[in-house]
Protein backbone atom coordinates (compact mmCIF):
# COMPACT_ATOMS: atom_id res chain seq x y z
CA UNK A 1 0.00 0.00 0.00
CA UNK A 2 1.33 3.42 -0.92
CA UNK A 3 2.15 5.73 1.98
CA UNK A 4 -0.14 8.78 2.23
CA UNK A 5 2.38 11.42 1.19
CA UNK A 6 1.53 15.12 1.59
CA UNK A 7 -1.55 14.26 3.68
CA UNK A 8 -2.08 15.57 7.22
CA UNK A 9 -3.12 12.66 9.44
CA UNK A 10 -4.40 13.44 12.93
CA UNK A 11 -2.73 10.85 15.15
CA UNK A 12 -4.45 12.37 18.19
CA UNK A 13 -6.54 15.52 18.72
CA UNK A 14 -3.62 17.96 19.05
CA UNK A 15 -0.97 16.16 16.96
CA UNK A 16 -0.89 15.76 13.18
CA UNK A 17 1.60 13.90 11.00
CA UNK A 18 2.84 14.46 7.43
CA UNK A 19 4.98 11.95 5.53
CA UNK A 20 7.74 13.19 3.22
CA UNK A 21 8.30 11.40 -0.07
CA UNK A 22 11.83 10.19 0.70
CA UNK A 23 11.55 6.41 1.20
CA UNK A 24 14.80 4.44 1.44
CA UNK A 25 16.38 1.49 3.29
CA UNK A 26 17.27 3.98 6.05
CA UNK A 27 14.10 6.10 6.21
CA UNK A 28 11.47 3.35 5.74
CA UNK A 29 8.46 4.99 4.03
CA UNK A 30 9.97 8.46 4.61
CA UNK A 31 10.50 11.13 7.24
CA UNK A 32 7.48 12.00 9.36
CA UNK A 33 6.92 15.68 10.14
CA UNK A 34 4.66 16.42 13.11
CA UNK A 35 2.46 19.44 13.77
CA UNK A 36 1.70 19.89 17.46
CA UNK A 37 -0.95 22.32 18.72
CA UNK A 38 -4.39 23.61 17.79
CA UNK A 39 -4.54 27.41 17.63
CA UNK A 40 -0.77 27.78 17.52
CA UNK A 41 1.52 25.04 16.23
CA UNK A 42 5.09 23.75 16.38
CA UNK A 43 6.51 21.95 13.34
CA UNK A 44 8.70 19.04 14.45
CA UNK A 45 11.33 17.62 12.07
CA UNK A 46 10.29 19.51 8.90
CA UNK A 47 12.24 16.91 6.94
CA UNK A 48 13.94 17.06 3.56
CA UNK A 49 13.29 19.88 1.13
CA UNK A 50 11.68 17.52 -1.40
CA UNK A 51 9.12 18.77 -3.92
CA UNK A 52 5.66 19.02 -2.42
CA UNK A 53 6.62 18.43 1.21
CA UNK A 54 7.17 22.06 2.17
CA UNK A 55 3.95 22.97 0.36
CA UNK A 56 2.13 20.24 2.28
CA UNK A 57 3.47 21.54 5.60
CA UNK A 58 2.39 25.11 4.83
CA UNK A 59 -1.03 23.89 3.71
CA UNK A 60 -1.43 21.88 6.93
CA UNK A 61 -0.51 24.92 9.03
CA UNK A 62 -3.44 26.65 7.34
CA UNK A 63 -2.54 30.17 8.37
CA UNK A 64 -2.16 29.42 12.08
CA UNK A 65 0.68 31.09 13.99
CA UNK A 66 3.79 28.89 14.18
CA UNK A 67 5.63 29.15 17.49
CA UNK A 68 8.69 27.26 16.30
CA UNK A 69 10.21 24.87 13.80
CA UNK A 70 11.96 22.22 15.91
CA UNK A 71 14.60 19.81 14.56
CA UNK A 72 15.71 16.71 16.46
CA UNK A 73 19.07 16.61 14.64
CA UNK A 74 20.70 17.74 11.43
CA UNK A 75 20.76 14.75 9.12
CA UNK A 76 19.50 15.79 5.71
CA UNK A 77 16.29 13.80 5.97
CA UNK A 78 15.27 15.92 9.00
CA UNK A 79 16.28 19.58 8.89
CA UNK A 80 16.66 21.05 5.34
CA UNK A 81 12.96 21.97 5.04
CA UNK A 82 13.31 24.17 8.14
CA UNK A 83 14.61 27.12 6.10
CA UNK A 84 11.79 27.23 3.51
CA UNK A 85 9.15 26.68 6.21
CA UNK A 86 10.67 29.58 8.15
CA UNK A 87 10.56 31.70 5.01
CA UNK A 88 6.90 30.84 4.50
CA UNK A 89 5.78 31.36 8.09
CA UNK A 90 8.30 33.66 9.78
CA UNK A 91 8.69 31.14 12.61
CA UNK A 92 12.04 30.70 14.39
CA UNK A 93 14.10 27.51 13.98
CA UNK A 94 14.83 26.07 17.41
CA UNK A 95 16.15 22.90 18.97
CA UNK A 96 19.33 21.00 18.23
CA UNK A 97 22.71 22.66 17.78
CA UNK A 98 24.28 22.92 14.33
CA UNK A 99 26.52 19.99 13.42
CA UNK A 100 28.04 19.01 10.12
CA UNK A 101 30.42 16.08 9.96
CA UNK A 102 31.24 13.43 7.42
CA UNK A 103 31.95 9.87 8.46
CA UNK A 104 35.03 8.07 7.23
CA UNK A 105 34.05 6.13 4.12
CA UNK A 106 30.54 5.90 2.65
CA UNK A 107 27.69 7.13 4.81
CA UNK A 108 25.32 4.56 6.21
CA UNK A 109 22.45 7.04 6.38
CA UNK A 110 21.67 10.62 5.40
CA UNK A 111 24.60 13.04 5.53
CA UNK A 112 24.52 16.15 7.69
CA UNK A 113 22.76 19.37 6.72
CA UNK A 114 25.54 21.96 6.50
CA UNK A 115 23.05 24.80 5.94
CA UNK A 116 21.09 24.31 9.17
CA UNK A 117 21.03 27.62 11.07
CA UNK A 118 18.93 27.64 14.28
CA UNK A 119 17.68 30.87 15.81
CA UNK A 120 17.83 29.25 19.25
CA UNK A 121 19.48 26.10 20.59
CA UNK A 122 17.64 24.34 23.42
CA UNK A 123 19.48 22.76 26.32
CA UNK A 124 18.33 19.58 28.04
CA UNK A 125 15.12 20.34 29.94
CA UNK A 126 14.65 23.76 28.36
CA UNK A 127 11.06 24.50 27.34
CA UNK A 128 9.09 26.89 25.18
CA UNK A 129 5.46 27.77 25.83
CA UNK A 130 2.86 27.79 23.04
CA UNK A 131 -0.80 27.21 22.20
CA UNK A 132 -2.22 28.73 25.37
CA UNK A 133 0.39 27.60 27.87
CA UNK A 134 1.45 24.12 26.69
CA UNK A 135 5.07 23.23 27.44
CA UNK A 136 7.31 21.87 24.69
CA UNK A 137 10.42 20.47 26.39
CA UNK A 138 13.80 19.46 24.94
CA UNK A 139 15.21 16.09 26.08
CA UNK A 140 18.88 15.62 25.18
CA UNK A 141 19.47 12.15 23.71
CA UNK A 142 22.96 11.97 22.18
CA UNK A 143 24.03 8.75 20.51
CA UNK A 144 22.62 8.58 16.98
CA UNK A 145 24.24 12.00 16.66
CA UNK A 146 25.87 14.13 19.35
CA UNK A 147 23.30 16.91 18.86
CA UNK A 148 20.15 14.75 18.95
CA UNK A 149 17.15 16.00 20.93
CA UNK A 150 13.78 14.44 21.62
CA UNK A 151 10.82 16.67 22.51
CA UNK A 152 8.22 16.13 25.22
CA UNK A 153 4.69 17.47 24.94
CA UNK A 154 2.78 16.33 28.00
CA UNK A 155 3.12 12.54 28.09
CA UNK A 156 3.92 12.26 24.37
CA UNK A 157 7.56 12.18 23.22
CA UNK A 158 8.77 12.97 19.71
CA UNK A 159 11.81 10.71 19.38
CA UNK A 160 13.32 11.62 16.00
CA UNK A 161 15.79 8.88 15.10
CA UNK A 162 16.73 7.96 18.68
CA UNK A 163 13.84 5.48 18.87
CA UNK A 164 12.21 4.44 15.60
CA UNK A 165 9.04 2.47 15.07
CA UNK A 166 10.34 0.12 12.38
CA UNK A 167 14.05 -0.60 12.91
CA UNK A 168 16.97 -0.20 15.26
CA UNK A 169 18.78 3.13 15.07
CA UNK A 170 21.97 3.54 13.06
CA UNK A 171 24.93 4.65 15.19
CA UNK A 172 27.86 5.67 12.98
CA UNK A 173 31.19 6.98 14.36
CA UNK A 174 32.87 9.38 14.59
CA UNK A 175 29.85 11.42 15.73
CA UNK A 176 27.56 8.52 16.61
CA UNK A 177 28.48 7.05 19.98
CA UNK A 178 27.16 3.70 21.26
CA UNK A 179 27.86 4.42 24.92
CA UNK A 180 25.92 7.69 24.74
CA UNK A 181 23.15 6.00 22.75
CA UNK A 182 22.67 3.33 25.42
CA UNK A 183 22.70 5.94 28.20
CA UNK A 184 20.05 7.94 26.31
CA UNK A 185 17.85 4.85 25.94
CA UNK A 186 18.08 4.31 29.70
CA UNK A 187 17.25 7.98 30.26
CA UNK A 188 14.02 7.57 28.28
CA UNK A 189 13.23 4.30 30.04
CA UNK A 190 13.15 6.18 33.33
CA UNK A 191 10.77 8.87 32.04
CA UNK A 192 7.49 6.96 31.77
CA UNK A 193 6.03 8.60 28.66
CA UNK A 194 2.67 7.36 27.34
CA UNK A 195 3.61 7.23 23.65
CA UNK A 196 6.57 7.82 21.32
CA UNK A 197 6.18 9.49 17.94
CA UNK A 198 9.28 8.62 15.88
CA UNK A 199 10.41 10.27 12.65
CA UNK A 200 10.28 6.88 10.90
CA UNK A 201 7.75 4.11 11.47
CA UNK A 202 4.64 3.66 13.54
CA UNK A 203 4.00 5.25 16.95
CA UNK A 204 5.39 3.27 19.88
CA UNK A 205 2.40 2.66 22.14
CA UNK A 206 4.25 0.70 24.84
CA UNK A 207 7.43 2.73 25.28
CA UNK A 208 8.81 0.97 28.37
CA UNK A 209 8.46 -2.49 26.86
CA UNK A 210 9.89 -1.26 23.56
CA UNK A 211 12.89 0.36 25.26
CA UNK A 212 13.65 -2.78 27.26
CA UNK A 213 13.68 -4.68 23.98
CA UNK A 214 16.02 -2.16 22.31
CA UNK A 215 18.42 -2.18 25.25
CA UNK A 216 18.36 -5.99 25.38
CA UNK A 217 19.01 -6.22 21.63
CA UNK A 218 22.03 -3.93 21.84
CA UNK A 219 23.42 -5.84 24.82
CA UNK A 220 23.06 -9.14 22.95
CA UNK A 221 24.79 -7.62 19.91
CA UNK A 222 27.62 -6.43 22.13
CA UNK A 223 28.08 -9.91 23.60
CA UNK A 224 28.05 -11.41 20.10
CA UNK A 225 30.73 -8.99 18.87
CA UNK A 226 32.87 -9.60 21.96
CA UNK A 227 32.60 -13.37 21.43
CA UNK A 228 33.52 -13.11 17.74
CA UNK A 229 36.56 -10.96 18.48
CA UNK A 230 37.60 -13.45 21.15
CA UNK A 231 37.36 -16.22 18.53
CA UNK A 232 39.71 -14.31 16.22
CA UNK A 233 37.17 -12.61 13.96
CA UNK A 234 39.02 -9.33 14.13
CA UNK A 235 37.96 -7.01 11.30
CA UNK A 236 34.75 -5.07 10.95
CA UNK A 237 33.80 -6.66 7.57
CA UNK A 238 34.38 -10.15 8.99
CA UNK A 239 32.31 -9.38 12.09
CA UNK A 240 29.49 -7.99 9.93
CA UNK A 241 29.52 -11.11 7.75
CA UNK A 242 29.37 -13.38 10.80
CA UNK A 243 26.87 -11.36 12.85
CA UNK A 244 24.47 -10.38 10.06
CA UNK A 245 24.04 -13.40 7.77
CA UNK A 246 21.89 -12.70 4.72
CA UNK A 247 21.92 -8.94 5.27
CA UNK A 248 20.61 -6.74 2.45
CA UNK A 249 23.80 -5.40 0.78
CA UNK A 250 22.38 -1.87 0.97
CA UNK A 251 22.47 -2.13 4.77
CA UNK A 252 26.06 -3.39 5.09
CA UNK A 253 27.46 0.14 5.70
CA UNK A 254 24.95 0.64 8.52
CA UNK A 255 25.90 -2.69 10.10
CA UNK A 256 29.57 -1.77 9.79
CA UNK A 257 28.93 1.53 11.52
CA UNK A 258 27.06 -0.19 14.33
CA UNK A 259 29.80 -2.79 14.80
CA UNK A 260 32.46 -0.07 14.85
CA UNK A 261 30.46 1.91 17.42
CA UNK A 262 30.19 -1.18 19.63
CA UNK A 263 33.93 -1.87 19.28
CA UNK A 264 34.88 1.69 20.22
CA UNK A 265 32.62 1.50 23.27
CA UNK A 266 34.13 -1.87 24.25
CA UNK A 267 37.62 -0.41 23.78
CA UNK A 268 36.84 2.51 26.12
CA UNK A 269 35.81 -0.05 28.72
CA UNK A 270 39.04 -2.02 28.26
CA UNK A 271 37.37 -5.15 26.82
CA UNK A 272 38.92 -5.07 23.33
CA UNK A 273 42.00 -3.52 21.77
CA UNK A 274 42.61 -2.15 18.29
CA UNK A 275 45.85 -3.11 16.53
CA UNK A 276 46.08 -0.12 14.21
CA UNK A 277 49.00 -1.48 12.19
CA UNK A 278 46.90 -4.47 11.14
CA UNK A 279 43.43 -2.86 11.49
CA UNK A 280 42.47 -5.78 13.70
CA UNK A 281 40.51 -5.99 16.93
CA UNK A 282 41.52 -8.40 19.68
CA UNK A 283 40.58 -9.25 23.27
CA UNK A 284 44.24 -9.65 24.34
C-alpha cells in the first residue's frame, strides 16, 4: 500500500503527521513531520526539502501562527525543510545545535545538513510555551548524533531517530556514539512517557516495553561482537559477515557503523584492543 504522502493525518486531537516522499532502506516509508498544537503550532522535524513536502506543511498549518520549527538533529532527511518553512511562516528555527560532519568512508544514512542555522538552541530540559500555555520540552538524547534532541509534549515524546518504530537506530562513528546512545535509551526508560512518535515508522504505544527490547538487543549484539573478536574474527567486515548473515547489501554500511560503534565502546571499557597497524581488533 502506498504511503499517504503530503496528507495531514491526525494521530491524536492535538498532533498531526505528514509523511515526506523520501523512502529508502534507512528512512522506511519516509521522514514524518509532526504538527503539534491547535490554535498555535510547532513543526517538528520539517524533513527534507523535497518537492511538495514544504507545500504540504504550509497547507497543513493553514494560516495558524507557528511558534517554532523544531529539529531533532541535522541529518539531511530531517532539517533542510526548516529554512523554507521559516521563510513561508516567519517562525524561528529552534532545537538542536548545528553539526556538520562526514563519516570516514561511505555514509550509512543521510549526511549532515551543512546549511542548518537555528535561531535558538535548546538545552536539556529547556522549554518553550505555546498554544495557550502548553510546554514543549527538549530532552537531550545523544548517541545517533551528538546533537540529537527528543521533545516532550505532555506525556507524548517525539523521538526523531533515537527510537524508531520500524528498525533499530543507526549509530555511525565518529559522531555517533554507542555508549551515549545506550545511556540515552536508559534515560528515556526512566521517564514513563505514554507514547513515542518517531520520525520513521509507527508510533510506539508501549514505550517501556519497547525500550527494554532495544536495550536488550544492543546488549546481545555487544556480547556477540565480543565473542567473535575473542574467537579471532578481528575485522569489521568479517564481524558484519558473521553477525548479520543474509543482510541486504544496501544495509552493510549501517551494520559496519554499528559494529564499529560497539567496538569503540568496548575499547573505552578495556574489553577489546585495536591493533592499528593491522586494522584488527583483539581481546588480548
